[in-house]
Amino acid sequence: MIKYHDKKYICALDLGFEQIRGKWKAVILCHLDEGTKRFLALQRVTGGISQKVLNESLREMEEEGLIHKEIFPEVPPRVEYSLTPKGQALIPALKSIEAWSKKYYPATQCEGEPEV
């Protein structure tokens, strides 16, 4: 058993998956791998995520140190999100899962993605 932030995890893998658990976190991380994005841009590229869920996901990933939130002192305020080194370290694992999915489920192409 591993204890982290007052929660118990079966093993390190369980703890690692907790950081990307849910429908949107891994998707958000992959989109941030393409570069810094603003809130509305993330909402557009994820297609279907509500503002509430996007806010919660971003806040949780920021608290875990996976993403960086930069607030610019402008009117109206501009907020940009980017990956931290810790978040960037997750990308190869996510890309591996994506490659595995494409290999074993080839008929499931992402919208706008070229055929493999």
PDB file of N, CA and C in Angstrom:
ATOM      1  N   MET A   1       0.842  -1.183   0.000  1.00  0.00           N
ATOM      2  CA  MET A   1       0.000   0.000   0.000  1.00  0.00           C
ATOM      3  C   MET A   1       0.888   1.248   0.000  1.00  0.00           C
ATOM      4  N   ILE A   2       0.460   2.223  -0.776  1.00  0.00           N
ATOM      5  CA  ILE A   2       1.143   3.514  -0.843  1.00  0.00           C
ATOM      6  C   ILE A   2       0.159   4.568  -0.348  1.00  0.00           C
ATOM      7  N   LYS A   3       0.620   5.443   0.527  1.00  0.00           N
ATOM      8  CA  LYS A   3      -0.227   6.532   1.001  1.00  0.00           C
ATOM      9  C   LYS A   3       0.311   7.832   0.417  1.00  0.00           C
ATOM     10  N   TYR A   4      -0.583   8.603  -0.232  1.00  0.00           N
ATOM     11  CA  TYR A   4      -0.207   9.861  -0.851  1.00  0.00           C
ATOM     12  C   TYR A   4      -1.385  10.817  -0.708  1.00  0.00           C
ATOM     13  N   HIS A   5      -1.163  11.970  -0.116  1.00  0.00           N
ATOM     14  CA  HIS A   5      -2.219  12.974   0.101  1.00  0.00           C
ATOM     15  C   HIS A   5      -3.427  12.359   0.806  1.00  0.00           C
ATOM     16  N   ASP A   6      -3.184  11.629   1.855  1.00  0.00           N
ATOM     17  CA  ASP A   6      -4.232  11.005   2.677  1.00  0.00           C
ATOM     18  C   ASP A   6      -5.098   9.996   1.922  1.00  0.00           C
ATOM     19  N   LYS A   7      -4.623   9.508   0.800  1.00  0.00           N
ATOM     20  CA  LYS A   7      -5.321   8.448   0.065  1.00  0.00           C
ATOM     21  C   LYS A   7      -4.402   7.240  -0.010  1.00  0.00           C
ATOM     22  N   LYS A   8      -5.002   6.071  -0.081  1.00  0.00           N
ATOM     23  CA  LYS A   8      -4.228   4.835  -0.181  1.00  0.00           C
ATOM     24  C   LYS A   8      -4.332   4.285  -1.596  1.00  0.00           C
ATOM     25  N   TYR A   9      -3.195   3.829  -2.093  1.00  0.00           N
ATOM     26  CA  TYR A   9      -3.113   3.245  -3.433  1.00  0.00           C
ATOM     27  C   TYR A   9      -2.512   1.860  -3.315  1.00  0.00           C
ATOM     28  N   ILE A  10      -2.972   0.964  -4.173  1.00  0.00           N
ATOM     29  CA  ILE A  10      -2.516  -0.418  -4.146  1.00  0.00           C
ATOM     30  C   ILE A  10      -1.038  -0.516  -4.500  1.00  0.00           C
ATOM     31  N   CYS A  11      -0.625   0.272  -5.495  1.00  0.00           N
ATOM     32  CA  CYS A  11       0.761   0.217  -5.958  1.00  0.00           C
ATOM     33  C   CYS A  11       1.097   1.532  -6.676  1.00  0.00           C
ATOM     34  N   ALA A  12       2.331   1.658  -7.125  1.00  0.00           N
ATOM     35  CA  ALA A  12       2.762   2.870  -7.826  1.00  0.00           C
ATOM     36  C   ALA A  12       1.963   3.082  -9.113  1.00  0.00           C
ATOM     37  N   LEU A  13       1.598   1.994  -9.792  1.00  0.00           N
ATOM     38  CA  LEU A  13       0.796   2.125 -11.015  1.00  0.00           C
ATOM     39  C   LEU A  13      -0.561   2.748 -10.705  1.00  0.00           C
ATOM     40  N   ASP A  14      -1.188   2.325  -9.634  1.00  0.00           N
ATOM     41  CA  ASP A  14      -2.466   2.875  -9.205  1.00  0.00           C
ATOM     42  C   ASP A  14      -2.329   4.375  -8.922  1.00  0.00           C
ATOM     43  N   LEU A  15      -1.268   4.762  -8.233  1.00  0.00           N
ATOM     44  CA  LEU A  15      -1.006   6.175  -7.952  1.00  0.00           C
ATOM     45  C   LEU A  15      -0.774   6.956  -9.244  1.00  0.00           C
ATOM     46  N   GLY A  16      -0.005   6.389 -10.167  1.00  0.00           N
ATOM     47  CA  GLY A  16       0.252   7.047 -11.444  1.00  0.00           C
ATOM     48  C   GLY A  16      -1.012   7.251 -12.255  1.00  0.00           C
ATOM     49  N   PHE A  17      -1.854   6.222 -12.299  1.00  0.00           N
ATOM     50  CA  PHE A  17      -3.108   6.345 -13.053  1.00  0.00           C
ATOM     51  C   PHE A  17      -4.068   7.342 -12.412  1.00  0.00           C
ATOM     52  N   GLU A  18      -3.957   7.532 -11.116  1.00  0.00           N
ATOM     53  CA  GLU A  18      -4.812   8.520 -10.449  1.00  0.00           C
ATOM     54  C   GLU A  18      -4.592   9.914 -11.038  1.00  0.00           C
ATOM     55  N   GLN A  19      -3.378  10.189 -11.475  1.00  0.00           N
ATOM     56  CA  GLN A  19      -3.052  11.520 -12.004  1.00  0.00           C
ATOM     57  C   GLN A  19      -3.718  11.780 -13.361  1.00  0.00           C
ATOM     58  N   ILE A  20      -4.054  10.733 -14.093  1.00  0.00           N
ATOM     59  CA  ILE A  20      -4.684  10.903 -15.416  1.00  0.00           C
ATOM     60  C   ILE A  20      -6.063  10.243 -15.473  1.00  0.00           C
ATOM     61  N   ARG A  21      -6.570   9.856 -14.314  1.00  0.00           N
ATOM     62  CA  ARG A  21      -7.863   9.184 -14.260  1.00  0.00           C
ATOM     63  C   ARG A  21      -8.971  10.122 -14.724  1.00  0.00           C
ATOM     64  N   GLY A  22      -9.952   9.561 -15.375  1.00  0.00           N
ATOM     65  CA  GLY A  22     -11.071  10.345 -15.884  1.00  0.00           C
ATOM     66  C   GLY A  22     -10.992  10.423 -17.398  1.00  0.00           C
ATOM     67  N   LYS A  23     -12.033  10.926 -17.972  1.00  0.00           N
ATOM     68  CA  LYS A  23     -12.149  10.957 -19.428  1.00  0.00           C
ATOM     69  C   LYS A  23     -11.255  12.005 -20.075  1.00  0.00           C
ATOM     70  N   TRP A  24     -10.927  13.099 -19.359  1.00  0.00           N
ATOM     71  CA  TRP A  24     -10.346  14.249 -20.024  1.00  0.00           C
ATOM     72  C   TRP A  24      -8.884  14.546 -19.726  1.00  0.00           C
ATOM     73  N   LYS A  25      -8.361  14.138 -18.600  1.00  0.00           N
ATOM     74  CA  LYS A  25      -7.013  14.563 -18.210  1.00  0.00           C
ATOM     75  C   LYS A  25      -5.942  14.169 -19.226  1.00  0.00           C
ATOM     76  N   ALA A  26      -5.937  12.928 -19.669  1.00  0.00           N
ATOM     77  CA  ALA A  26      -4.925  12.496 -20.643  1.00  0.00           C
ATOM     78  C   ALA A  26      -5.092  13.248 -21.960  1.00  0.00           C
ATOM     79  N   VAL A  27      -6.323  13.501 -22.352  1.00  0.00           N
ATOM     80  CA  VAL A  27      -6.600  14.234 -23.595  1.00  0.00           C
ATOM     81  C   VAL A  27      -6.072  15.665 -23.478  1.00  0.00           C
ATOM     82  N   ILE A  28      -6.318  16.296 -22.351  1.00  0.00           N
ATOM     83  CA  ILE A  28      -5.836  17.661 -22.119  1.00  0.00           C
ATOM     84  C   ILE A  28      -4.312  17.688 -22.168  1.00  0.00           C
ATOM     85  N   LEU A  29      -3.676  16.729 -21.509  1.00  0.00           N
ATOM     86  CA  LEU A  29      -2.212  16.675 -21.511  1.00  0.00           C
ATOM     87  C   LEU A  29      -1.666  16.531 -22.928  1.00  0.00           C
ATOM     88  N   CYS A  30      -2.271  15.674 -23.728  1.00  0.00           N
ATOM     89  CA  CYS A  30      -1.805  15.484 -25.109  1.00  0.00           C
ATOM     90  C   CYS A  30      -1.969  16.759 -25.934  1.00  0.00           C
ATOM     91  N   HIS A  31      -3.048  17.482 -25.715  1.00  0.00           N
ATOM     92  CA  HIS A  31      -3.232  18.741 -26.441  1.00  0.00           C
ATOM     93  C   HIS A  31      -2.237  19.799 -25.968  1.00  0.00           C
ATOM     94  N   LEU A  32      -1.899  19.800 -24.696  1.00  0.00           N
ATOM     95  CA  LEU A  32      -0.903  20.749 -24.199  1.00  0.00           C
ATOM     96  C   LEU A  32       0.501  20.391 -24.677  1.00  0.00           C
ATOM     97  N   ASP A  33       0.700  19.132 -25.060  1.00  0.00           N
ATOM     98  CA  ASP A  33       1.991  18.739 -25.639  1.00  0.00           C
ATOM     99  C   ASP A  33       2.226  19.455 -26.967  1.00  0.00           C
ATOM    100  N   GLU A  34       1.160  19.860 -27.627  1.00  0.00           N
ATOM    101  CA  GLU A  34       1.257  20.599 -28.890  1.00  0.00           C
ATOM    102  C   GLU A  34       1.642  22.059 -28.658  1.00  0.00           C
ATOM    103  N   GLY A  35       1.548  22.520 -27.410  1.00  0.00           N
ATOM    104  CA  GLY A  35       1.916  23.899 -27.089  1.00  0.00           C
ATOM    105  C   GLY A  35       0.953  24.518 -26.088  1.00  0.00           C
ATOM    106  N   THR A  36       1.309  25.697 -25.636  1.00  0.00           N
ATOM    107  CA  THR A  36       0.510  26.440 -24.673  1.00  0.00           C
ATOM    108  C   THR A  36      -0.873  26.730 -25.249  1.00  0.00           C
ATOM    109  N   LYS A  37      -1.885  26.600 -24.381  1.00  0.00           N
ATOM    110  CA  LYS A  37      -3.260  26.839 -24.829  1.00  0.00           C
ATOM    111  C   LYS A  37      -4.009  27.644 -23.777  1.00  0.00           C
ATOM    112  N   ARG A  38      -4.965  28.427 -24.267  1.00  0.00           N
ATOM    113  CA  ARG A  38      -5.873  29.144 -23.389  1.00  0.00           C
ATOM    114  C   ARG A  38      -7.075  28.252 -23.087  1.00  0.00           C
ATOM    115  N   PHE A  39      -7.862  28.660 -22.087  1.00  0.00           N
ATOM    116  CA  PHE A  39      -8.991  27.858 -21.623  1.00  0.00           C
ATOM    117  C   PHE A  39      -9.956  27.517 -22.745  1.00  0.00           C
ATOM    118  N   LEU A  40     -10.409  28.519 -23.497  1.00  0.00           N
ATOM    119  CA  LEU A  40     -11.387  28.262 -24.555  1.00  0.00           C
ATOM    120  C   LEU A  40     -10.817  27.388 -25.668  1.00  0.00           C
ATOM    121  N   ALA A  41      -9.537  27.528 -25.950  1.00  0.00           N
ATOM    122  CA  ALA A  41      -8.907  26.670 -26.961  1.00  0.00           C
ATOM    123  C   ALA A  41      -8.919  25.221 -26.487  1.00  0.00           C
ATOM    124  N   LEU A  42      -8.642  24.995 -25.203  1.00  0.00           N
ATOM    125  CA  LEU A  42      -8.701  23.631 -24.658  1.00  0.00           C
ATOM    126  C   LEU A  42     -10.123  23.087 -24.706  1.00  0.00           C
ATOM    127  N   GLN A  43     -11.068  23.936 -24.406  1.00  0.00           N
ATOM    128  CA  GLN A  43     -12.460  23.490 -24.444  1.00  0.00           C
ATOM    129  C   GLN A  43     -12.862  23.109 -25.865  1.00  0.00           C
ATOM    130  N   ARG A  44     -12.395  23.866 -26.861  1.00  0.00           N
ATOM    131  CA  ARG A  44     -12.721  23.556 -28.259  1.00  0.00           C
ATOM    132  C   ARG A  44     -12.094  22.242 -28.706  1.00  0.00           C
ATOM    133  N   VAL A  45     -10.797  22.057 -28.431  1.00  0.00           N
ATOM    134  CA  VAL A  45     -10.109  20.869 -28.944  1.00  0.00           C
ATOM    135  C   VAL A  45     -10.523  19.590 -28.233  1.00  0.00           C
ATOM    136  N   THR A  46     -11.039  19.701 -27.014  1.00  0.00           N
ATOM    137  CA  THR A  46     -11.484  18.496 -26.324  1.00  0.00           C
ATOM    138  C   THR A  46     -12.893  18.101 -26.734  1.00  0.00           C
ATOM    139  N   GLY A  47     -13.631  19.004 -27.312  1.00  0.00           N
ATOM    140  CA  GLY A  47     -14.949  18.693 -27.869  1.00  0.00           C
ATOM    141  C   GLY A  47     -15.896  18.009 -26.920  1.00  0.00           C
ATOM    142  N   GLY A  48     -16.661  18.757 -26.200  1.00  0.00           N
ATOM    143  CA  GLY A  48     -17.690  18.154 -25.367  1.00  0.00           C
ATOM    144  C   GLY A  48     -17.465  18.300 -23.876  1.00  0.00           C
ATOM    145  N   ILE A  49     -16.330  18.777 -23.464  1.00  0.00           N
ATOM    146  CA  ILE A  49     -16.074  18.938 -22.038  1.00  0.00           C
ATOM    147  C   ILE A  49     -16.776  20.208 -21.549  1.00  0.00           C
ATOM    148  N   SER A  50     -17.393  20.128 -20.396  1.00  0.00           N
ATOM    149  CA  SER A  50     -18.056  21.308 -19.831  1.00  0.00           C
ATOM    150  C   SER A  50     -17.018  22.210 -19.174  1.00  0.00           C
ATOM    151  N   GLN A  51     -17.374  23.479 -18.982  1.00  0.00           N
ATOM    152  CA  GLN A  51     -16.462  24.410 -18.314  1.00  0.00           C
ATOM    153  C   GLN A  51     -16.120  23.924 -16.915  1.00  0.00           C
ATOM    154  N   LYS A  52     -17.112  23.396 -16.211  1.00  0.00           N
ATOM    155  CA  LYS A  52     -16.916  22.917 -14.839  1.00  0.00           C
ATOM    156  C   LYS A  52     -15.896  21.787 -14.795  1.00  0.00           C
ATOM    157  N   VAL A  53     -16.065  20.806 -15.647  1.00  0.00           N
ATOM    158  CA  VAL A  53     -15.165  19.652 -15.658  1.00  0.00           C
ATOM    159  C   VAL A  53     -13.763  20.064 -16.124  1.00  0.00           C
ATOM    160  N   LEU A  54     -13.695  20.939 -17.129  1.00  0.00           N
ATOM    161  CA  LEU A  54     -12.390  21.418 -17.585  1.00  0.00           C
ATOM    162  C   LEU A  54     -11.681  22.176 -16.470  1.00  0.00           C
ATOM    163  N   ASN A  55     -12.404  23.062 -15.776  1.00  0.00           N
ATOM    164  CA  ASN A  55     -11.825  23.787 -14.648  1.00  0.00           C
ATOM    165  C   ASN A  55     -11.306  22.839 -13.577  1.00  0.00           C
ATOM    166  N   GLU A  56     -12.110  21.841 -13.213  1.00  0.00           N
ATOM    167  CA  GLU A  56     -11.713  20.876 -12.180  1.00  0.00           C
ATOM    168  C   GLU A  56     -10.482  20.086 -12.610  1.00  0.00           C
ATOM    169  N   SER A  57     -10.480  19.625 -13.857  1.00  0.00           N
ATOM    170  CA  SER A  57      -9.357  18.842 -14.361  1.00  0.00           C
ATOM    171  C   SER A  57      -8.074  19.664 -14.375  1.00  0.00           C
ATOM    172  N   LEU A  58      -8.168  20.900 -14.863  1.00  0.00           N
ATOM    173  CA  LEU A  58      -7.002  21.776 -14.911  1.00  0.00           C
ATOM    174  C   LEU A  58      -6.492  22.074 -13.505  1.00  0.00           C
ATOM    175  N   ARG A  59      -7.402  22.349 -12.582  1.00  0.00           N
ATOM    176  CA  ARG A  59      -7.005  22.652 -11.207  1.00  0.00           C
ATOM    177  C   ARG A  59      -6.298  21.458 -10.571  1.00  0.00           C
ATOM    178  N   GLU A  60      -6.846  20.247 -10.746  1.00  0.00           N
ATOM    179  CA  GLU A  60      -6.238  19.043 -10.184  1.00  0.00           C
ATOM    180  C   GLU A  60      -4.854  18.792 -10.773  1.00  0.00           C
ATOM    181  N   MET A  61      -4.724  18.965 -12.081  1.00  0.00           N
ATOM    182  CA  MET A  61      -3.420  18.731 -12.708  1.00  0.00           C
ATOM    183  C   MET A  61      -2.417  19.809 -12.323  1.00  0.00           C
ATOM    184  N   GLU A  62      -2.893  21.022 -12.091  1.00  0.00           N
ATOM    185  CA  GLU A  62      -2.005  22.090 -11.627  1.00  0.00           C
ATOM    186  C   GLU A  62      -1.526  21.786 -10.204  1.00  0.00           C
ATOM    187  N   GLU A  63      -2.438  21.330  -9.350  1.00  0.00           N
ATOM    188  CA  GLU A  63      -2.080  20.981  -7.970  1.00  0.00           C
ATOM    189  C   GLU A  63      -1.044  19.854  -7.928  1.00  0.00           C
ATOM    190  N   GLU A  64      -1.129  18.935  -8.878  1.00  0.00           N
ATOM    191  CA  GLU A  64      -0.179  17.820  -8.940  1.00  0.00           C
ATOM    192  C   GLU A  64       1.121  18.202  -9.638  1.00  0.00           C
ATOM    193  N   GLY A  65       1.178  19.406 -10.186  1.00  0.00           N
ATOM    194  CA  GLY A  65       2.398  19.862 -10.835  1.00  0.00           C
ATOM    195  C   GLY A  65       2.578  19.359 -12.255  1.00  0.00           C
ATOM    196  N   LEU A  66       1.480  18.922 -12.893  1.00  0.00           N
ATOM    197  CA  LEU A  66       1.555  18.428 -14.270  1.00  0.00           C
ATOM    198  C   LEU A  66       1.457  19.561 -15.286  1.00  0.00           C
ATOM    199  N   ILE A  67       0.725  20.600 -14.917  1.00  0.00           N
ATOM    200  CA  ILE A  67       0.571  21.744 -15.818  1.00  0.00           C
ATOM    201  C   ILE A  67       0.874  23.032 -15.062  1.00  0.00           C
ATOM    202  N   HIS A  68       1.175  24.056 -15.833  1.00  0.00           N
ATOM    203  CA  HIS A  68       1.441  25.382 -15.287  1.00  0.00           C
ATOM    204  C   HIS A  68       0.363  26.319 -15.792  1.00  0.00           C
ATOM    205  N   LYS A  69      -0.177  27.113 -14.891  1.00  0.00           N
ATOM    206  CA  LYS A  69      -1.197  28.104 -15.232  1.00  0.00           C
ATOM    207  C   LYS A  69      -0.555  29.474 -15.088  1.00  0.00           C
ATOM    208  N   GLU A  70      -0.564  30.240 -16.170  1.00  0.00           N
ATOM    209  CA  GLU A  70      -0.007  31.589 -16.121  1.00  0.00           C
ATOM    210  C   GLU A  70      -1.121  32.595 -16.353  1.00  0.00           C
ATOM    211  N   ILE A  71      -1.245  33.520 -15.405  1.00  0.00           N
ATOM    212  CA  ILE A  71      -2.263  34.555 -15.486  1.00  0.00           C
ATOM    213  C   ILE A  71      -1.555  35.865 -15.826  1.00  0.00           C
ATOM    214  N   PHE A  72      -1.962  36.463 -16.930  1.00  0.00           N
ATOM    215  CA  PHE A  72      -1.368  37.714 -17.377  1.00  0.00           C
ATOM    216  C   PHE A  72      -2.188  38.883 -16.828  1.00  0.00           C
ATOM    217  N   PRO A  73      -1.518  39.890 -16.274  1.00  0.00           N
ATOM    218  CA  PRO A  73      -2.237  41.034 -15.685  1.00  0.00           C
ATOM    219  C   PRO A  73      -2.771  41.992 -16.750  1.00  0.00           C
ATOM    220  N   GLU A  74      -3.805  41.542 -17.423  1.00  0.00           N
ATOM    221  CA  GLU A  74      -4.433  42.334 -18.476  1.00  0.00           C
ATOM    222  C   GLU A  74      -5.922  42.449 -18.161  1.00  0.00           C
ATOM    223  N   VAL A  75      -6.586  43.318 -18.855  1.00  0.00           N
ATOM    224  CA  VAL A  75      -8.037  43.422 -18.720  1.00  0.00           C
ATOM    225  C   VAL A  75      -8.644  43.163 -20.085  1.00  0.00           C
ATOM    226  N   PRO A  76      -9.427  42.108 -20.257  1.00  0.00           N
ATOM    227  CA  PRO A  76      -9.687  41.054 -19.279  1.00  0.00           C
ATOM    228  C   PRO A  76      -8.448  40.168 -19.095  1.00  0.00           C
ATOM    229  N   PRO A  77      -8.361  39.472 -17.959  1.00  0.00           N
ATOM    230  CA  PRO A  77      -7.188  38.637 -17.705  1.00  0.00           C
ATOM    231  C   PRO A  77      -7.044  37.534 -18.750  1.00  0.00           C
ATOM    232  N   ARG A  78      -5.820  37.294 -19.151  1.00  0.00           N
ATOM    233  CA  ARG A  78      -5.515  36.206 -20.087  1.00  0.00           C
ATOM    234  C   ARG A  78      -4.846  35.097 -19.277  1.00  0.00           C
ATOM    235  N   VAL A  79      -5.336  33.873 -19.454  1.00  0.00           N
ATOM    236  CA  VAL A  79      -4.797  32.720 -18.732  1.00  0.00           C
ATOM    237  C   VAL A  79      -4.338  31.696 -19.754  1.00  0.00           C
ATOM    238  N   GLU A  80      -3.115  31.215 -19.587  1.00  0.00           N
ATOM    239  CA  GLU A  80      -2.566  30.196 -20.481  1.00  0.00           C
ATOM    240  C   GLU A  80      -2.089  29.002 -19.671  1.00  0.00           C
ATOM    241  N   TYR A  81      -2.253  27.831 -20.279  1.00  0.00           N
ATOM    242  CA  TYR A  81      -1.853  26.578 -19.647  1.00  0.00           C
ATOM    243  C   TYR A  81      -0.760  25.919 -20.478  1.00  0.00           C
ATOM    244  N   SER A  82       0.213  25.337 -19.791  1.00  0.00           N
ATOM    245  CA  SER A  82       1.291  24.621 -20.472  1.00  0.00           C
ATOM    246  C   SER A  82       1.729  23.451 -19.595  1.00  0.00           C
ATOM    247  N   LEU A  83       2.475  22.542 -20.198  1.00  0.00           N
ATOM    248  CA  LEU A  83       2.989  21.397 -19.454  1.00  0.00           C
ATOM    249  C   LEU A  83       4.206  21.799 -18.634  1.00  0.00           C
ATOM    250  N   THR A  84       4.324  21.213 -17.465  1.00  0.00           N
ATOM    251  CA  THR A  84       5.533  21.338 -16.662  1.00  0.00           C
ATOM    252  C   THR A  84       6.465  20.195 -17.067  1.00  0.00           C
ATOM    253  N   PRO A  85       7.704  20.195 -16.623  1.00  0.00           N
ATOM    254  CA  PRO A  85       8.572  19.040 -16.904  1.00  0.00           C
ATOM    255  C   PRO A  85       7.961  17.718 -16.409  1.00  0.00           C
ATOM    256  N   LYS A  86       7.286  17.767 -15.267  1.00  0.00           N
ATOM    257  CA  LYS A  86       6.618  16.565 -14.743  1.00  0.00           C
ATOM    258  C   LYS A  86       5.519  16.103 -15.696  1.00  0.00           C
ATOM    259  N   GLY A  87       4.749  17.036 -16.240  1.00  0.00           N
ATOM    260  CA  GLY A  87       3.702  16.706 -17.205  1.00  0.00           C
ATOM    261  C   GLY A  87       4.282  16.200 -18.512  1.00  0.00           C
ATOM    262  N   GLN A  88       5.372  16.827 -18.961  1.00  0.00           N
ATOM    263  CA  GLN A  88       6.041  16.395 -20.195  1.00  0.00           C
ATOM    264  C   GLN A  88       6.565  14.971 -20.065  1.00  0.00           C
ATOM    265  N   ALA A  89       6.971  14.590 -18.861  1.00  0.00           N
ATOM    266  CA  ALA A  89       7.479  13.231 -18.646  1.00  0.00           C
ATOM    267  C   ALA A  89       6.393  12.177 -18.818  1.00  0.00           C
ATOM    268  N   LEU A  90       5.128  12.561 -18.703  1.00  0.00           N
ATOM    269  CA  LEU A  90       4.009  11.626 -18.904  1.00  0.00           C
ATOM    270  C   LEU A  90       3.686  11.382 -20.377  1.00  0.00           C
ATOM    271  N   ILE A  91       4.065  12.302 -21.234  1.00  0.00           N
ATOM    272  CA  ILE A  91       3.679  12.243 -22.643  1.00  0.00           C
ATOM    273  C   ILE A  91       4.122  10.953 -23.340  1.00  0.00           C
ATOM    274  N   PRO A  92       5.367  10.479 -23.163  1.00  0.00           N
ATOM    275  CA  PRO A  92       5.733   9.217 -23.834  1.00  0.00           C
ATOM    276  C   PRO A  92       4.830   8.045 -23.441  1.00  0.00           C
ATOM    277  N   ALA A  93       4.424   7.989 -22.178  1.00  0.00           N
ATOM    278  CA  ALA A  93       3.523   6.915 -21.744  1.00  0.00           C
ATOM    279  C   ALA A  93       2.162   7.053 -22.418  1.00  0.00           C
ATOM    280  N   LEU A  94       1.655   8.276 -22.504  1.00  0.00           N
ATOM    281  CA  LEU A  94       0.361   8.492 -23.154  1.00  0.00           C
ATOM    282  C   LEU A  94       0.435   8.188 -24.646  1.00  0.00           C
ATOM    283  N   LYS A  95       1.539   8.557 -25.281  1.00  0.00           N
ATOM    284  CA  LYS A  95       1.724   8.263 -26.709  1.00  0.00           C
ATOM    285  C   LYS A  95       1.820   6.755 -26.943  1.00  0.00           C
ATOM    286  N   SER A  96       2.419   6.039 -26.000  1.00  0.00           N
ATOM    287  CA  SER A  96       2.489   4.571 -26.110  1.00  0.00           C
ATOM    288  C   SER A  96       1.101   3.949 -26.056  1.00  0.00           C
ATOM    289  N   ILE A  97       0.273   4.436 -25.154  1.00  0.00           N
ATOM    290  CA  ILE A  97      -1.104   3.936 -25.059  1.00  0.00           C
ATOM    291  C   ILE A  97      -1.871   4.274 -26.333  1.00  0.00           C
ATOM    292  N   GLU A  98      -1.646   5.476 -26.866  1.00  0.00           N
ATOM    293  CA  GLU A  98      -2.297   5.877 -28.114  1.00  0.00           C
ATOM    294  C   GLU A  98      -1.870   4.960 -29.263  1.00  0.00           C
ATOM    295  N   ALA A  99      -0.571   4.661 -29.364  1.00  0.00           N
ATOM    296  CA  ALA A  99      -0.061   3.772 -30.416  1.00  0.00           C
ATOM    297  C   ALA A  99      -0.638   2.367 -30.260  1.00  0.00           C
ATOM    298  N   TRP A 100      -0.726   1.887 -29.033  1.00  0.00           N
ATOM    299  CA  TRP A 100      -1.310   0.577 -28.765  1.00  0.00           C
ATOM    300  C   TRP A 100      -2.766   0.550 -29.237  1.00  0.00           C
ATOM    301  N   SER A 101      -3.510   1.599 -28.928  1.00  0.00           N
ATOM    302  CA  SER A 101      -4.917   1.684 -29.330  1.00  0.00           C
ATOM    303  C   SER A 101      -5.060   1.675 -30.845  1.00  0.00           C
ATOM    304  N   LYS A 102      -4.207   2.429 -31.526  1.00  0.00           N
ATOM    305  CA  LYS A 102      -4.260   2.463 -32.992  1.00  0.00           C
ATOM    306  C   LYS A 102      -3.919   1.109 -33.599  1.00  0.00           C
ATOM    307  N   LYS A 103      -2.989   0.393 -32.962  1.00  0.00           N
ATOM    308  CA  LYS A 103      -2.585  -0.921 -33.477  1.00  0.00           C
ATOM    309  C   LYS A 103      -3.695  -1.958 -33.315  1.00  0.00           C
ATOM    310  N   TYR A 104      -4.312  -2.000 -32.149  1.00  0.00           N
ATOM    311  CA  TYR A 104      -5.283  -3.047 -31.858  1.00  0.00           C
ATOM    312  C   TYR A 104      -6.732  -2.647 -32.146  1.00  0.00           C
ATOM    313  N   TYR A 105      -6.969  -1.377 -32.402  1.00  0.00           N
ATOM    314  CA  TYR A 105      -8.301  -0.890 -32.750  1.00  0.00           C
ATOM    315  C   TYR A 105      -8.173   0.044 -33.949  1.00  0.00           C
ATOM    316  N   PRO A 106      -7.696  -0.470 -35.071  1.00  0.00           N
ATOM    317  CA  PRO A 106      -7.376   0.393 -36.215  1.00  0.00           C
ATOM    318  C   PRO A 106      -8.573   1.113 -36.826  1.00  0.00           C
ATOM    319  N   ALA A 107      -9.756   0.638 -36.630  1.00  0.00           N
ATOM    320  CA  ALA A 107     -10.925   1.276 -37.227  1.00  0.00           C
ATOM    321  C   ALA A 107     -11.386   2.487 -36.436  1.00  0.00           C
ATOM    322  N   THR A 108     -10.720   2.765 -35.341  1.00  0.00           N
ATOM    323  CA  THR A 108     -11.146   3.866 -34.481  1.00  0.00           C
ATOM    324  C   THR A 108     -10.225   5.064 -34.640  1.00  0.00           C
ATOM    325  N   GLN A 109     -10.367   5.778 -35.744  1.00  0.00           N
ATOM    326  CA  GLN A 109      -9.571   6.963 -36.005  1.00  0.00           C
ATOM    327  C   GLN A 109     -10.177   8.170 -35.309  1.00  0.00           C
ATOM    328  N   CYS A 110      -9.337   9.063 -34.859  1.00  0.00           N
ATOM    329  CA  CYS A 110      -9.816  10.318 -34.283  1.00  0.00           C
ATOM    330  C   CYS A 110     -10.320  11.206 -35.415  1.00  0.00           C
ATOM    331  N   GLU A 111     -11.312  12.006 -35.089  1.00  0.00           N
ATOM    332  CA  GLU A 111     -11.866  12.933 -36.065  1.00  0.00           C
ATOM    333  C   GLU A 111     -10.779  13.886 -36.539  1.00  0.00           C
ATOM    334  N   GLY A 112     -10.645  14.023 -37.844  1.00  0.00           N
ATOM    335  CA  GLY A 112      -9.652  14.928 -38.408  1.00  0.00           C
ATOM    336  C   GLY A 112      -8.258  14.335 -38.510  1.00  0.00           C
ATOM    337  N   GLU A 113      -8.097  13.096 -38.077  1.00  0.00           N
ATOM    338  CA  GLU A 113      -6.782  12.437 -38.113  1.00  0.00           C
ATOM    339  C   GLU A 113      -6.637  11.664 -39.415  1.00  0.00           C
ATOM    340  N   PRO A 114      -5.474  11.704 -40.040  1.00  0.00           N
ATOM    341  CA  PRO A 114      -5.306  10.959 -41.283  1.00  0.00           C
ATOM    342  C   PRO A 114      -5.340   9.451 -41.043  1.00  0.00           C
ATOM    343  N   GLU A 115      -5.783   8.718 -42.035  1.00  0.00           N
ATOM    344  CA  GLU A 115      -5.811   7.254 -41.954  1.00  0.00           C
ATOM    345  C   GLU A 115      -4.403   6.703 -41.828  1.00  0.00           C
ATOM    346  N   VAL A 116      -4.241   5.669 -40.986  1.00  0.00           N
ATOM    347  CA  VAL A 116      -2.915   5.057 -40.802  1.00  0.00           C
ATOM    348  C   VAL A 116      -2.740   3.913 -41.776  1.00  0.00           C
TER     349      VAL A 116
END
